[in-house]
Amino acid sequence: MTPTAAQQEGRTVADLERVLVLAGGMSPEHEVSVRSGRRVAESLRRLGVEAHIADIDAALLERLRTDPPQAVFPVLHGASGEDGATAEILQLSGVPYVGAPPAACRTAFAKPAAKALVAQHGVPVPRGVTLPKSAFHDLGAPALLERVVDRLGLPLFVKPDQGGSAFGATSVDSAEELSAAMVSCFAYGDKAVIEERIDGTEVAVGVVDLGDGPVDLPAVEIVPDGGVYDYAARYTPGRTEFFSPARLSEEAARAAADAALTAHRVLGLRDYSRTDLIVDAAGRVRFLEVNVAPGLTETSTFPLAAEAAELDFARVCRDLAFNAWTRGSAG
């Protein structure tokens, strides 16, 4: 690995003193982002790093210009945070930051594009279609939904083509439920991803690069108490049981890890990511989606995976910020 100018100057993690954590945003995931940002900032402070929290607002650019931190740690979920916009802003401001470059963010945030690219590199994905809201208006919703069911069968899963935290996502068991699921989906986006629903074990696999290349973290098995991993199940303590490492066969666990590493690599991601997968009864792994800024709350799977790997979460946050600082603002 070619050393950066900062590394050549002999900087160490002890020289990391000031980090700005970006949290909040205007997406429906605002509250989750605030909680993630608070945890990152508190973790950095525990290691002696001066960490401040700011939102994306009219004061940010002036703050970055007049009082630039050594590194920015964005934990903005959803649009603006994960679609590449924040990365572009930070690059324009010449500030080093944790996370993927803009182009990689844009590809990963668009679920159909990410799914297609990952599938091209040998990772199985559910069969599905992506349709805009306008198609249902122009062609007639009943006829189009009938074609979808004929093609994909039942059960199905419907979700917006962008965004996270299960907003607008619905599990569909019958043709009669599909119409309502589409209405819910279009409340959060103009395009819907409709996929075959594969019953099995839902797992999340984190990937982290602390300086020696991306490595997979232990898979986290997700068992929501109501059977659906919706917003409440994700962020309400006690609503979901997690097993880390996941209760998978050795072969399935390796396939899940390989899928996450493949997604991280082929999408051009950097520093850390989380890939969501489903493992069927036969142990076959399928890719669902990837997150460039995974949740870092007390109930989020990435910190649970880090703990299972015997990594100190605070040190992970510090090392990611330090690596961004040594990388500089060009990347």
C-alpha atoms as a PDB file:
ATOM      1  CA  MET A   1       0.000   0.000   0.000  1.00  0.00           C
ATOM      2  CA  THR A   2       1.520   3.317  -1.080  1.00  0.00           C
ATOM      3  CA  PRO A   3       1.855   5.660   1.915  1.00  0.00           C
ATOM      4  CA  THR A   4       0.111   9.026   1.765  1.00  0.00           C
ATOM      5  CA  ALA A   5       1.891  12.295   2.460  1.00  0.00           C
ATOM      6  CA  ALA A   6       0.375  12.295   5.948  1.00  0.00           C
ATOM      7  CA  GLN A   7       1.709   8.820   6.652  1.00  0.00           C
ATOM      8  CA  GLN A   8       5.118   9.817   5.357  1.00  0.00           C
ATOM      9  CA  GLU A   9       5.045  12.658   7.877  1.00  0.00           C
ATOM     10  CA  GLY A  10       4.795  10.041  10.609  1.00  0.00           C
ATOM     11  CA  ARG A  11       1.273  10.753  11.824  1.00  0.00           C
ATOM     12  CA  THR A  12      -0.221   8.269  14.264  1.00  0.00           C
ATOM     13  CA  VAL A  13      -3.720   7.807  15.650  1.00  0.00           C
ATOM     14  CA  ALA A  14      -2.613   9.812  18.676  1.00  0.00           C
ATOM     15  CA  ASP A  15      -2.368  12.844  16.361  1.00  0.00           C
ATOM     16  CA  LEU A  16      -6.053  12.602  15.457  1.00  0.00           C
ATOM     17  CA  GLU A  17      -7.625  15.333  17.559  1.00  0.00           C
ATOM     18  CA  ARG A  18     -10.681  16.813  15.788  1.00  0.00           C
ATOM     19  CA  VAL A  19     -13.422  14.991  13.893  1.00  0.00           C
ATOM     20  CA  LEU A  20     -16.736  16.374  12.675  1.00  0.00           C
ATOM     21  CA  VAL A  21     -19.601  13.872  12.684  1.00  0.00           C
ATOM     22  CA  LEU A  22     -22.379  14.654  10.196  1.00  0.00           C
ATOM     23  CA  ALA A  23     -25.775  13.378  11.336  1.00  0.00           C
ATOM     24  CA  GLY A  24     -29.442  14.165  10.803  1.00  0.00           C
ATOM     25  CA  GLY A  25     -30.381  15.156   7.269  1.00  0.00           C
ATOM     26  CA  MET A  26     -33.806  15.569   5.708  1.00  0.00           C
ATOM     27  CA  SER A  27     -34.610  11.950   4.858  1.00  0.00           C
ATOM     28  CA  PRO A  28     -37.146   9.816   6.776  1.00  0.00           C
ATOM     29  CA  GLU A  29     -34.110   8.232   8.446  1.00  0.00           C
ATOM     30  CA  HIS A  30     -33.251  11.487  10.256  1.00  0.00           C
ATOM     31  CA  GLU A  31     -33.747  10.134  13.774  1.00  0.00           C
ATOM     32  CA  VAL A  32     -31.715   6.998  13.077  1.00  0.00           C
ATOM     33  CA  SER A  33     -28.911   9.161  11.713  1.00  0.00           C
ATOM     34  CA  VAL A  34     -28.970  11.345  14.828  1.00  0.00           C
ATOM     35  CA  ARG A  35     -28.669   8.269  17.028  1.00  0.00           C
ATOM     36  CA  SER A  36     -25.840   6.874  14.899  1.00  0.00           C
ATOM     37  CA  GLY A  37     -24.018  10.198  14.980  1.00  0.00           C
ATOM     38  CA  ARG A  38     -24.364  10.507  18.733  1.00  0.00           C
ATOM     39  CA  ARG A  39     -22.873   7.058  19.243  1.00  0.00           C
ATOM     40  CA  VAL A  40     -19.939   7.706  16.907  1.00  0.00           C
ATOM     41  CA  ALA A  41     -19.166  11.038  18.584  1.00  0.00           C
ATOM     42  CA  GLU A  42     -19.362   9.540  22.068  1.00  0.00           C
ATOM     43  CA  SER A  43     -17.099   6.676  20.990  1.00  0.00           C
ATOM     44  CA  LEU A  44     -14.489   9.044  19.591  1.00  0.00           C
ATOM     45  CA  ARG A  45     -14.573  11.204  22.717  1.00  0.00           C
ATOM     46  CA  ARG A  46     -13.975   8.128  24.853  1.00  0.00           C
ATOM     47  CA  LEU A  47     -10.618   7.796  23.090  1.00  0.00           C
ATOM     48  CA  GLY A  48      -9.727  11.439  23.578  1.00  0.00           C
ATOM     49  CA  VAL A  49     -10.780  12.736  20.154  1.00  0.00           C
ATOM     50  CA  GLU A  50     -12.626  16.055  20.091  1.00  0.00           C
ATOM     51  CA  ALA A  51     -15.798  15.153  18.195  1.00  0.00           C
ATOM     52  CA  HIS A  52     -18.543  17.583  17.254  1.00  0.00           C
ATOM     53  CA  ILE A  53     -21.871  16.797  15.576  1.00  0.00           C
ATOM     54  CA  ALA A  54     -23.333  18.895  12.773  1.00  0.00           C
ATOM     55  CA  ASP A  55     -26.179  18.559  10.301  1.00  0.00           C
ATOM     56  CA  ILE A  56     -26.303  19.355   6.594  1.00  0.00           C
ATOM     57  CA  ASP A  57     -27.469  22.961   6.679  1.00  0.00           C
ATOM     58  CA  ALA A  58     -26.622  26.466   5.462  1.00  0.00           C
ATOM     59  CA  ALA A  59     -23.838  26.847   8.028  1.00  0.00           C
ATOM     60  CA  LEU A  60     -21.911  23.730   7.064  1.00  0.00           C
ATOM     61  CA  LEU A  61     -19.860  24.998   4.116  1.00  0.00           C
ATOM     62  CA  GLU A  62     -18.687  28.079   6.020  1.00  0.00           C
ATOM     63  CA  ARG A  63     -17.779  25.897   8.978  1.00  0.00           C
ATOM     64  CA  LEU A  64     -15.741  23.577   6.779  1.00  0.00           C
ATOM     65  CA  ARG A  65     -13.972  26.564   5.220  1.00  0.00           C
ATOM     66  CA  THR A  66     -13.124  28.511   8.347  1.00  0.00           C
ATOM     67  CA  ASP A  67     -12.656  25.692  10.856  1.00  0.00           C
ATOM     68  CA  PRO A  68     -11.951  22.476   8.947  1.00  0.00           C
ATOM     69  CA  PRO A  69     -11.685  19.291  11.026  1.00  0.00           C
ATOM     70  CA  GLN A  70      -8.988  16.736  10.412  1.00  0.00           C
ATOM     71  CA  ALA A  71     -11.678  14.387   9.091  1.00  0.00           C
ATOM     72  CA  VAL A  72     -15.439  14.212   8.660  1.00  0.00           C
ATOM     73  CA  PHE A  73     -17.374  11.083   9.655  1.00  0.00           C
ATOM     74  CA  PRO A  74     -20.734  11.185   7.821  1.00  0.00           C
ATOM     75  CA  VAL A  75     -23.488   9.005   9.243  1.00  0.00           C
ATOM     76  CA  LEU A  76     -26.293  10.475   7.149  1.00  0.00           C
ATOM     77  CA  HIS A  77     -28.692   7.737   6.112  1.00  0.00           C
ATOM     78  CA  GLY A  78     -30.947   7.845   3.066  1.00  0.00           C
ATOM     79  CA  ALA A  79     -31.005  10.513   0.362  1.00  0.00           C
ATOM     80  CA  SER A  80     -28.264  13.147   0.455  1.00  0.00           C
ATOM     81  CA  GLY A  81     -26.300  10.996   2.873  1.00  0.00           C
ATOM     82  CA  GLU A  82     -25.891   7.795   0.890  1.00  0.00           C
ATOM     83  CA  ASP A  83     -26.604   8.932  -2.678  1.00  0.00           C
ATOM     84  CA  GLY A  84     -23.218  10.590  -3.197  1.00  0.00           C
ATOM     85  CA  ALA A  85     -24.282  14.195  -2.570  1.00  0.00           C
ATOM     86  CA  THR A  86     -22.541  14.519   0.790  1.00  0.00           C
ATOM     87  CA  ALA A  87     -19.366  12.948  -0.580  1.00  0.00           C
ATOM     88  CA  GLU A  88     -19.382  15.433  -3.464  1.00  0.00           C
ATOM     89  CA  ILE A  89     -19.815  18.352  -1.046  1.00  0.00           C
ATOM     90  CA  LEU A  90     -16.954  17.177   1.148  1.00  0.00           C
ATOM     91  CA  GLN A  91     -14.690  16.703  -1.847  1.00  0.00           C
ATOM     92  CA  LEU A  92     -15.550  20.203  -3.111  1.00  0.00           C
ATOM     93  CA  SER A  93     -14.685  21.511   0.346  1.00  0.00           C
ATOM     94  CA  GLY A  94     -11.347  19.715   0.357  1.00  0.00           C
ATOM     95  CA  VAL A  95     -12.096  17.852   3.580  1.00  0.00           C
ATOM     96  CA  PRO A  96     -11.085  14.206   4.169  1.00  0.00           C
ATOM     97  CA  TYR A  97     -14.056  11.985   5.008  1.00  0.00           C
ATOM     98  CA  VAL A  98     -14.969   8.445   5.969  1.00  0.00           C
ATOM     99  CA  GLY A  99     -16.875   6.469   3.372  1.00  0.00           C
ATOM    100  CA  ALA A 100     -17.213   5.703  -0.282  1.00  0.00           C
ATOM    101  CA  PRO A 101     -16.501   8.131  -3.134  1.00  0.00           C
ATOM    102  CA  PRO A 102     -19.464   9.808  -4.861  1.00  0.00           C
ATOM    103  CA  ALA A 103     -19.764   7.512  -7.883  1.00  0.00           C
ATOM    104  CA  ALA A 104     -19.746   4.394  -5.720  1.00  0.00           C
ATOM    105  CA  CYS A 105     -22.395   5.895  -3.436  1.00  0.00           C
ATOM    106  CA  ARG A 106     -24.665   6.628  -6.374  1.00  0.00           C
ATOM    107  CA  THR A 107     -24.416   3.085  -7.723  1.00  0.00           C
ATOM    108  CA  ALA A 108     -24.930   1.413  -4.357  1.00  0.00           C
ATOM    109  CA  PHE A 109     -27.854   3.676  -3.429  1.00  0.00           C
ATOM    110  CA  ALA A 110     -29.756   2.677  -6.570  1.00  0.00           C
ATOM    111  CA  LYS A 111     -30.816  -0.814  -5.530  1.00  0.00           C
ATOM    112  CA  PRO A 112     -31.556  -2.200  -9.030  1.00  0.00           C
ATOM    113  CA  ALA A 113     -28.171  -0.998 -10.354  1.00  0.00           C
ATOM    114  CA  ALA A 114     -26.311  -2.430  -7.378  1.00  0.00           C
ATOM    115  CA  LYS A 115     -28.202  -5.703  -7.647  1.00  0.00           C
ATOM    116  CA  ALA A 116     -27.426  -6.038 -11.366  1.00  0.00           C
ATOM    117  CA  LEU A 117     -23.729  -5.301 -10.911  1.00  0.00           C
ATOM    118  CA  VAL A 118     -23.349  -7.719  -8.024  1.00  0.00           C
ATOM    119  CA  ALA A 119     -25.198 -10.409 -10.007  1.00  0.00           C
ATOM    120  CA  GLN A 120     -22.794  -9.921 -12.914  1.00  0.00           C
ATOM    121  CA  HIS A 121     -20.001 -10.928 -10.564  1.00  0.00           C
ATOM    122  CA  GLY A 122     -21.566 -14.228  -9.615  1.00  0.00           C
ATOM    123  CA  VAL A 123     -23.625 -13.406  -6.521  1.00  0.00           C
ATOM    124  CA  PRO A 124     -27.176 -14.814  -6.745  1.00  0.00           C
ATOM    125  CA  VAL A 125     -30.036 -12.318  -6.397  1.00  0.00           C
ATOM    126  CA  PRO A 126     -33.830 -12.699  -6.180  1.00  0.00           C
ATOM    127  CA  ARG A 127     -35.784 -12.484  -9.425  1.00  0.00           C
ATOM    128  CA  GLY A 128     -37.557  -9.165  -9.706  1.00  0.00           C
ATOM    129  CA  VAL A 129     -38.636  -6.161 -11.701  1.00  0.00           C
ATOM    130  CA  THR A 130     -38.300  -2.408 -11.198  1.00  0.00           C
ATOM    131  CA  LEU A 131     -41.225  -0.256 -12.299  1.00  0.00           C
ATOM    132  CA  PRO A 132     -41.873   3.491 -12.100  1.00  0.00           C
ATOM    133  CA  LYS A 133     -45.043   4.966 -10.686  1.00  0.00           C
ATOM    134  CA  SER A 134     -45.852   6.371 -14.131  1.00  0.00           C
ATOM    135  CA  ALA A 135     -46.110   2.871 -15.613  1.00  0.00           C
ATOM    136  CA  PHE A 136     -49.033   2.027 -13.352  1.00  0.00           C
ATOM    137  CA  HIS A 137     -50.752   5.257 -14.324  1.00  0.00           C
ATOM    138  CA  ASP A 138     -50.169   4.824 -18.055  1.00  0.00           C
ATOM    139  CA  LEU A 139     -50.779   1.086 -18.400  1.00  0.00           C
ATOM    140  CA  GLY A 140     -53.341   0.535 -15.663  1.00  0.00           C
ATOM    141  CA  ALA A 141     -52.360  -0.804 -12.261  1.00  0.00           C
ATOM    142  CA  PRO A 142     -54.570  -3.947 -12.181  1.00  0.00           C
ATOM    143  CA  ALA A 143     -53.322  -5.260 -15.513  1.00  0.00           C
ATOM    144  CA  LEU A 144     -49.694  -4.521 -14.734  1.00  0.00           C
ATOM    145  CA  LEU A 145     -49.829  -6.076 -11.282  1.00  0.00           C
ATOM    146  CA  GLU A 146     -51.436  -9.162 -12.792  1.00  0.00           C
ATOM    147  CA  ARG A 147     -48.454  -9.483 -15.160  1.00  0.00           C
ATOM    148  CA  VAL A 148     -46.064  -9.117 -12.224  1.00  0.00           C
ATOM    149  CA  VAL A 149     -47.719 -11.935 -10.294  1.00  0.00           C
ATOM    150  CA  ASP A 150     -47.816 -14.137 -13.399  1.00  0.00           C
ATOM    151  CA  ARG A 151     -44.106 -13.579 -13.908  1.00  0.00           C
ATOM    152  CA  LEU A 152     -42.742 -13.711 -10.371  1.00  0.00           C
ATOM    153  CA  GLY A 153     -45.405 -15.692  -8.517  1.00  0.00           C
ATOM    154  CA  LEU A 154     -46.124 -15.296  -4.817  1.00  0.00           C
ATOM    155  CA  PRO A 155     -45.047 -14.382  -2.163  1.00  0.00           C
ATOM    156  CA  LEU A 156     -43.361 -11.092  -3.098  1.00  0.00           C
ATOM    157  CA  PHE A 157     -41.482  -8.274  -1.462  1.00  0.00           C
ATOM    158  CA  VAL A 158     -41.942  -4.636  -2.490  1.00  0.00           C
ATOM    159  CA  LYS A 159     -39.570  -1.790  -1.631  1.00  0.00           C
ATOM    160  CA  PRO A 160     -38.540   1.605  -3.025  1.00  0.00           C
ATOM    161  CA  ASP A 161     -35.572   1.526  -5.374  1.00  0.00           C
ATOM    162  CA  GLN A 162     -33.699   3.859  -2.996  1.00  0.00           C
ATOM    163  CA  GLY A 163     -33.588   4.468   0.740  1.00  0.00           C
ATOM    164  CA  GLY A 164     -33.392   2.282   3.812  1.00  0.00           C
ATOM    165  CA  SER A 165     -34.718   1.505   7.294  1.00  0.00           C
ATOM    166  CA  ALA A 166     -37.541  -0.485   5.645  1.00  0.00           C
ATOM    167  CA  PHE A 167     -39.531   2.652   4.807  1.00  0.00           C
ATOM    168  CA  GLY A 168     -42.088   1.747   2.126  1.00  0.00           C
ATOM    169  CA  ALA A 169     -41.132  -1.927   2.233  1.00  0.00           C
ATOM    170  CA  THR A 170     -43.893  -4.534   2.417  1.00  0.00           C
ATOM    171  CA  SER A 171     -44.079  -8.312   2.376  1.00  0.00           C
ATOM    172  CA  VAL A 172     -46.877  -9.547   0.099  1.00  0.00           C
ATOM    173  CA  ASP A 173     -48.565 -12.942   0.456  1.00  0.00           C
ATOM    174  CA  SER A 174     -51.481 -12.536  -1.962  1.00  0.00           C
ATOM    175  CA  ALA A 175     -52.323 -10.705  -5.169  1.00  0.00           C
ATOM    176  CA  GLU A 176     -54.888  -8.662  -3.249  1.00  0.00           C
ATOM    177  CA  GLU A 177     -52.171  -7.234  -0.973  1.00  0.00           C
ATOM    178  CA  LEU A 178     -49.941  -6.110  -3.827  1.00  0.00           C
ATOM    179  CA  SER A 179     -51.863  -2.952  -4.691  1.00  0.00           C
ATOM    180  CA  ALA A 180     -51.649  -1.581  -1.136  1.00  0.00           C
ATOM    181  CA  ALA A 181     -47.968  -2.467  -1.020  1.00  0.00           C
ATOM    182  CA  MET A 182     -47.363  -0.396  -4.151  1.00  0.00           C
ATOM    183  CA  VAL A 183     -49.158   2.608  -2.653  1.00  0.00           C
ATOM    184  CA  SER A 184     -46.980   2.350   0.457  1.00  0.00           C
ATOM    185  CA  CYS A 185     -43.847   2.048  -1.649  1.00  0.00           C
ATOM    186  CA  PHE A 186     -44.634   5.059  -3.851  1.00  0.00           C
ATOM    187  CA  ALA A 187     -45.040   7.200  -0.735  1.00  0.00           C
ATOM    188  CA  TYR A 188     -41.229   6.972  -0.413  1.00  0.00           C
ATOM    189  CA  GLY A 189     -40.079   6.915  -4.017  1.00  0.00           C
ATOM    190  CA  ASP A 190     -41.104   7.040  -7.661  1.00  0.00           C
ATOM    191  CA  LYS A 191     -39.814   3.552  -8.527  1.00  0.00           C
ATOM    192  CA  ALA A 192     -40.673   0.211  -6.957  1.00  0.00           C
ATOM    193  CA  VAL A 193     -38.552  -2.914  -6.757  1.00  0.00           C
ATOM    194  CA  ILE A 194     -40.788  -5.997  -6.755  1.00  0.00           C
ATOM    195  CA  GLU A 195     -38.965  -9.229  -5.991  1.00  0.00           C
ATOM    196  CA  GLU A 196     -39.757 -12.823  -5.256  1.00  0.00           C
ATOM    197  CA  ARG A 197     -39.774 -13.231  -1.491  1.00  0.00           C
ATOM    198  CA  ILE A 198     -37.345 -15.884  -0.407  1.00  0.00           C
ATOM    199  CA  ASP A 199     -38.122 -17.311   2.991  1.00  0.00           C
ATOM    200  CA  GLY A 200     -35.105 -18.089   5.073  1.00  0.00           C
ATOM    201  CA  THR A 201     -32.610 -16.600   7.479  1.00  0.00           C
ATOM    202  CA  GLU A 202     -32.020 -12.868   7.127  1.00  0.00           C
ATOM    203  CA  VAL A 203     -28.428 -11.864   7.802  1.00  0.00           C
ATOM    204  CA  ALA A 204     -26.355  -8.714   7.619  1.00  0.00           C
ATOM    205  CA  VAL A 205     -22.646  -8.883   6.884  1.00  0.00           C
ATOM    206  CA  GLY A 206     -20.448  -5.917   7.629  1.00  0.00           C
ATOM    207  CA  VAL A 207     -17.222  -5.186   5.805  1.00  0.00           C
ATOM    208  CA  VAL A 208     -14.539  -2.935   7.287  1.00  0.00           C
ATOM    209  CA  ASP A 209     -11.156  -1.737   6.052  1.00  0.00           C
ATOM    210  CA  LEU A 210      -8.923  -0.519   8.854  1.00  0.00           C
ATOM    211  CA  GLY A 211      -5.913  -0.069   6.608  1.00  0.00           C
ATOM    212  CA  ASP A 212      -4.996  -3.524   5.349  1.00  0.00           C
ATOM    213  CA  GLY A 213      -7.851  -4.049   2.908  1.00  0.00           C
ATOM    214  CA  PRO A 214     -11.528  -4.923   3.361  1.00  0.00           C
ATOM    215  CA  VAL A 215     -12.379  -7.840   5.636  1.00  0.00           C
ATOM    216  CA  ASP A 216     -15.743  -9.346   6.479  1.00  0.00           C
ATOM    217  CA  LEU A 217     -17.188  -9.239   9.964  1.00  0.00           C
ATOM    218  CA  PRO A 218     -19.208 -12.134  11.415  1.00  0.00           C
ATOM    219  CA  ALA A 219     -22.683 -12.385   9.912  1.00  0.00           C
ATOM    220  CA  VAL A 220     -25.476 -11.155  12.176  1.00  0.00           C
ATOM    221  CA  GLU A 221     -28.685 -13.191  12.097  1.00  0.00           C
ATOM    222  CA  ILE A 222     -31.857 -11.118  12.419  1.00  0.00           C
ATOM    223  CA  VAL A 223     -34.956 -12.579  14.106  1.00  0.00           C
ATOM    224  CA  PRO A 224     -37.699  -9.932  14.548  1.00  0.00           C
ATOM    225  CA  ASP A 225     -40.406 -10.802  17.055  1.00  0.00           C
ATOM    226  CA  GLY A 226     -43.213 -10.142  14.570  1.00  0.00           C
ATOM    227  CA  GLY A 227     -41.520 -11.911  11.678  1.00  0.00           C
ATOM    228  CA  VAL A 228     -40.946  -8.674   9.734  1.00  0.00           C
ATOM    229  CA  TYR A 229     -37.808  -6.575  10.124  1.00  0.00           C
ATOM    230  CA  ASP A 230     -39.550  -3.217   9.788  1.00  0.00           C
ATOM    231  CA  TYR A 231     -38.570   0.191  11.195  1.00  0.00           C
ATOM    232  CA  ALA A 232     -39.876  -0.560  14.689  1.00  0.00           C
ATOM    233  CA  ALA A 233     -38.174  -3.952  14.771  1.00  0.00           C
ATOM    234  CA  ARG A 234     -34.880  -2.363  13.693  1.00  0.00           C
ATOM    235  CA  TYR A 235     -34.688   0.416  16.216  1.00  0.00           C
ATOM    236  CA  THR A 236     -36.777  -0.610  19.236  1.00  0.00           C
ATOM    237  CA  PRO A 237     -34.666  -2.468  21.808  1.00  0.00           C
ATOM    238  CA  GLY A 238     -36.066  -5.914  22.479  1.00  0.00           C
ATOM    239  CA  ARG A 239     -38.151  -6.113  19.307  1.00  0.00           C
ATOM    240  CA  THR A 240     -35.546  -8.165  17.446  1.00  0.00           C
ATOM    241  CA  GLU A 241     -33.234 -10.949  18.555  1.00  0.00           C
ATOM    242  CA  PHE A 242     -29.766 -10.951  17.022  1.00  0.00           C
ATOM    243  CA  PHE A 243     -27.326 -13.823  16.772  1.00  0.00           C
ATOM    244  CA  SER A 244     -23.721 -12.976  15.996  1.00  0.00           C
ATOM    245  CA  PRO A 245     -22.198 -14.948  14.574  1.00  0.00           C
ATOM    246  CA  ALA A 246     -25.292 -16.113  12.711  1.00  0.00           C
ATOM    247  CA  ARG A 247     -26.481 -19.697  13.124  1.00  0.00           C
ATOM    248  CA  LEU A 248     -25.372 -20.757   9.651  1.00  0.00           C
ATOM    249  CA  SER A 249     -23.473 -23.719   8.338  1.00  0.00           C
ATOM    250  CA  GLU A 250     -19.795 -23.106   7.706  1.00  0.00           C
ATOM    251  CA  GLU A 251     -20.443 -23.217   3.963  1.00  0.00           C
ATOM    252  CA  ALA A 252     -23.326 -20.726   4.110  1.00  0.00           C
ATOM    253  CA  ALA A 253     -21.369 -18.388   6.385  1.00  0.00           C
ATOM    254  CA  ARG A 254     -18.478 -18.368   3.936  1.00  0.00           C
ATOM    255  CA  ALA A 255     -20.824 -17.724   1.007  1.00  0.00           C
ATOM    256  CA  ALA A 256     -22.406 -14.816   2.894  1.00  0.00           C
ATOM    257  CA  ALA A 257     -18.996 -13.329   3.646  1.00  0.00           C
ATOM    258  CA  ASP A 258     -17.904 -13.731   0.026  1.00  0.00           C
ATOM    259  CA  ALA A 259     -21.103 -12.041  -1.191  1.00  0.00           C
ATOM    260  CA  ALA A 260     -20.529  -9.038   1.088  1.00  0.00           C
ATOM    261  CA  LEU A 261     -16.879  -8.710   0.079  1.00  0.00           C
ATOM    262  CA  THR A 262     -17.827  -8.987  -3.589  1.00  0.00           C
ATOM    263  CA  ALA A 263     -20.475  -6.273  -3.230  1.00  0.00           C
ATOM    264  CA  HIS A 264     -18.032  -3.991  -1.404  1.00  0.00           C
ATOM    265  CA  ARG A 265     -15.359  -4.510  -4.051  1.00  0.00           C
ATOM    266  CA  VAL A 266     -17.334  -4.378  -7.302  1.00  0.00           C
ATOM    267  CA  LEU A 267     -19.370  -1.351  -6.207  1.00  0.00           C
ATOM    268  CA  GLY A 268     -16.181   0.537  -5.383  1.00  0.00           C
ATOM    269  CA  LEU A 269     -17.044   1.028  -1.715  1.00  0.00           C
ATOM    270  CA  ARG A 270     -14.546   2.186   0.865  1.00  0.00           C
ATOM    271  CA  ASP A 271     -13.888   2.047   4.609  1.00  0.00           C
ATOM    272  CA  TYR A 272     -17.024   0.176   5.662  1.00  0.00           C
ATOM    273  CA  SER A 273     -20.346  -1.144   4.390  1.00  0.00           C
ATOM    274  CA  ARG A 274     -23.135  -3.546   5.271  1.00  0.00           C
ATOM    275  CA  THR A 275     -24.680  -6.081   2.919  1.00  0.00           C
ATOM    276  CA  ASP A 276     -28.127  -7.556   3.543  1.00  0.00           C
ATOM    277  CA  LEU A 277     -28.637 -11.173   2.486  1.00  0.00           C
ATOM    278  CA  ILE A 278     -31.158 -13.975   2.750  1.00  0.00           C
ATOM    279  CA  VAL A 279     -30.116 -17.598   3.253  1.00  0.00           C
ATOM    280  CA  ASP A 280     -32.731 -20.174   2.252  1.00  0.00           C
ATOM    281  CA  ALA A 281     -33.328 -23.567   3.842  1.00  0.00           C
ATOM    282  CA  ALA A 282     -30.839 -25.195   1.477  1.00  0.00           C
ATOM    283  CA  GLY A 283     -28.116 -22.776   2.529  1.00  0.00           C
ATOM    284  CA  ARG A 284     -28.178 -20.752  -0.704  1.00  0.00           C
ATOM    285  CA  VAL A 285     -27.282 -17.091  -0.209  1.00  0.00           C
ATOM    286  CA  ARG A 286     -28.892 -14.255  -2.157  1.00  0.00           C
ATOM    287  CA  PHE A 287     -27.961 -10.593  -2.183  1.00  0.00           C
ATOM    288  CA  LEU A 288     -30.694  -8.113  -1.237  1.00  0.00           C
ATOM    289  CA  GLU A 289     -28.975  -4.715  -0.989  1.00  0.00           C
ATOM    290  CA  VAL A 290     -25.922  -2.900   0.329  1.00  0.00           C
ATOM    291  CA  ASN A 291     -25.556   0.158   2.571  1.00  0.00           C
ATOM    292  CA  VAL A 292     -22.660   2.595   2.267  1.00  0.00           C
ATOM    293  CA  ALA A 293     -23.492   4.269   5.603  1.00  0.00           C
ATOM    294  CA  PRO A 294     -24.949   1.506   7.784  1.00  0.00           C
ATOM    295  CA  GLY A 295     -26.732   2.306  10.984  1.00  0.00           C
ATOM    296  CA  LEU A 296     -24.443   2.594  14.018  1.00  0.00           C
ATOM    297  CA  THR A 297     -27.056   2.744  16.777  1.00  0.00           C
ATOM    298  CA  GLU A 298     -27.237   0.457  19.804  1.00  0.00           C
ATOM    299  CA  THR A 299     -29.555  -1.879  17.881  1.00  0.00           C
ATOM    300  CA  SER A 300     -27.708  -1.772  14.541  1.00  0.00           C
ATOM    301  CA  THR A 301     -26.017  -4.861  13.166  1.00  0.00           C
ATOM    302  CA  PHE A 302     -22.649  -3.346  12.195  1.00  0.00           C
ATOM    303  CA  PRO A 303     -21.586  -2.593  15.803  1.00  0.00           C
ATOM    304  CA  LEU A 304     -22.866  -6.033  16.860  1.00  0.00           C
ATOM    305  CA  ALA A 305     -20.696  -7.630  14.171  1.00  0.00           C
ATOM    306  CA  ALA A 306     -17.667  -5.613  15.256  1.00  0.00           C
ATOM    307  CA  GLU A 307     -18.199  -6.823  18.819  1.00  0.00           C
ATOM    308  CA  ALA A 308     -18.481 -10.424  17.620  1.00  0.00           C
ATOM    309  CA  ALA A 309     -15.151  -9.944  15.838  1.00  0.00           C
ATOM    310  CA  GLU A 310     -13.696  -8.737  19.169  1.00  0.00           C
ATOM    311  CA  LEU A 311     -13.160  -5.251  17.771  1.00  0.00           C
ATOM    312  CA  ASP A 312     -13.661  -2.229  19.991  1.00  0.00           C
ATOM    313  CA  PHE A 313     -16.310  -0.102  18.253  1.00  0.00           C
ATOM    314  CA  ALA A 314     -14.715   3.136  19.442  1.00  0.00           C
ATOM    315  CA  ARG A 315     -11.366   2.112  17.999  1.00  0.00           C
ATOM    316  CA  VAL A 316     -13.021   1.168  14.713  1.00  0.00           C
ATOM    317  CA  CYS A 317     -14.541   4.659  14.486  1.00  0.00           C
ATOM    318  CA  ARG A 318     -11.236   6.288  15.386  1.00  0.00           C
ATOM    319  CA  ASP A 319      -9.244   4.194  12.912  1.00  0.00           C
ATOM    320  CA  LEU A 320     -11.697   4.921  10.094  1.00  0.00           C
ATOM    321  CA  ALA A 321     -11.422   8.652  10.791  1.00  0.00           C
ATOM    322  CA  PHE A 322      -7.634   8.437  11.025  1.00  0.00           C
ATOM    323  CA  ASN A 323      -7.403   6.563   7.722  1.00  0.00           C
ATOM    324  CA  ALA A 324      -9.584   9.216   6.061  1.00  0.00           C
ATOM    325  CA  TRP A 325      -7.278  11.919   7.442  1.00  0.00           C
ATOM    326  CA  THR A 326      -4.144  10.200   6.175  1.00  0.00           C
ATOM    327  CA  ARG A 327      -5.816   9.584   2.817  1.00  0.00           C
ATOM    328  CA  GLY A 328      -6.477  13.278   2.430  1.00  0.00           C
ATOM    329  CA  SER A 329      -9.201  15.142   0.581  1.00  0.00           C
ATOM    330  CA  ALA A 330      -8.372  14.006  -2.956  1.00  0.00           C
ATOM    331  CA  GLY A 331      -9.961  10.594  -2.620  1.00  0.00           C
END
